[in-house]
């Protein structure tokens, strides 16, 4: 998997992504300026990162997220 440049178009609402600190979160809002708002699973919309700081979660991580939430 290459280190391609992530843009806001790289993500969709409800994607499970990995944050810079290794935590998983769900994308709940996407802005054209390359910013996204995340939910770590507690329902609070507190995470806002530049899309270049996040990556898509692995398939196994998505399964674990879905089981836990």
Protein backbone atom coordinates (compact mmCIF):
# COMPACT_ATOMS: atom_id res chain seq x y z
CA UNK A 1 0.00 0.00 0.00
CA UNK A 2 1.51 3.32 -1.06
CA UNK A 3 1.67 6.58 0.78
CA UNK A 4 -0.82 8.33 -1.50
CA UNK A 5 -2.03 11.80 -0.58
CA UNK A 6 -5.35 11.59 1.26
CA UNK A 7 -8.00 14.18 0.44
CA UNK A 8 -11.49 14.75 1.79
CA UNK A 9 -12.73 12.78 -1.23
CA UNK A 10 -10.73 9.77 0.03
CA UNK A 11 -13.19 9.30 2.89
CA UNK A 12 -16.93 8.82 3.24
CA UNK A 13 -19.34 9.29 6.12
CA UNK A 14 -19.25 6.22 8.42
CA UNK A 15 -15.74 5.16 7.33
CA UNK A 16 -13.72 3.69 10.19
CA UNK A 17 -10.31 5.34 10.27
CA UNK A 18 -7.12 5.24 12.32
CA UNK A 19 -6.09 8.45 14.07
CA UNK A 20 -2.47 9.58 14.57
CA UNK A 21 -2.48 8.18 18.14
CA UNK A 22 -3.56 4.73 16.90
CA UNK A 23 -7.19 4.99 18.05
CA UNK A 24 -10.04 4.13 15.73
CA UNK A 25 -12.87 6.52 14.96
CA UNK A 26 -15.84 6.86 12.63
CA UNK A 27 -16.07 9.74 10.15
CA UNK A 28 -19.27 11.68 10.84
CA UNK A 29 -18.75 14.86 8.83
CA UNK A 30 -16.47 15.85 5.96
CA UNK A 31 -15.54 19.37 4.89
CA UNK A 32 -14.22 20.30 1.46
CA UNK A 33 -11.28 22.04 3.08
CA UNK A 34 -9.83 18.63 4.00
CA UNK A 35 -11.12 18.49 7.56
CA UNK A 36 -13.23 15.72 9.07
CA UNK A 37 -15.07 15.35 12.37
CA UNK A 38 -14.73 12.02 14.15
CA UNK A 39 -16.61 10.01 16.75
CA UNK A 40 -14.41 7.67 18.82
CA UNK A 41 -17.46 5.62 19.73
CA UNK A 42 -18.77 7.66 22.64
CA UNK A 43 -21.14 9.73 20.51
CA UNK A 44 -19.27 13.00 21.05
CA UNK A 45 -18.22 14.81 17.91
CA UNK A 46 -14.88 15.98 19.21
CA UNK A 47 -12.22 14.90 16.76
CA UNK A 48 -11.29 17.15 13.89
CA UNK A 49 -8.22 16.29 11.84
CA UNK A 50 -6.71 17.24 8.55
CA UNK A 51 -7.28 14.21 6.32
CA UNK A 52 -3.53 13.89 5.79
CA UNK A 53 -3.29 12.83 9.47
CA UNK A 54 -5.66 9.86 9.24
CA UNK A 55 -5.71 6.56 7.38
CA UNK A 56 -8.34 3.98 6.55
CA UNK A 57 -8.56 1.26 9.19
CA UNK A 58 -7.63 -2.30 8.32
CA UNK A 59 -10.42 -4.80 7.65
CA UNK A 60 -9.78 -6.55 10.99
CA UNK A 61 -9.92 -3.24 12.86
CA UNK A 62 -13.26 -2.38 11.23
CA UNK A 63 -14.70 -5.74 12.33
CA UNK A 64 -13.57 -5.10 15.92
CA UNK A 65 -15.01 -1.56 15.84
CA UNK A 66 -18.37 -2.86 14.61
CA UNK A 67 -18.46 -5.54 17.32
CA UNK A 68 -17.69 -3.00 20.04
CA UNK A 69 -20.09 -0.30 18.81
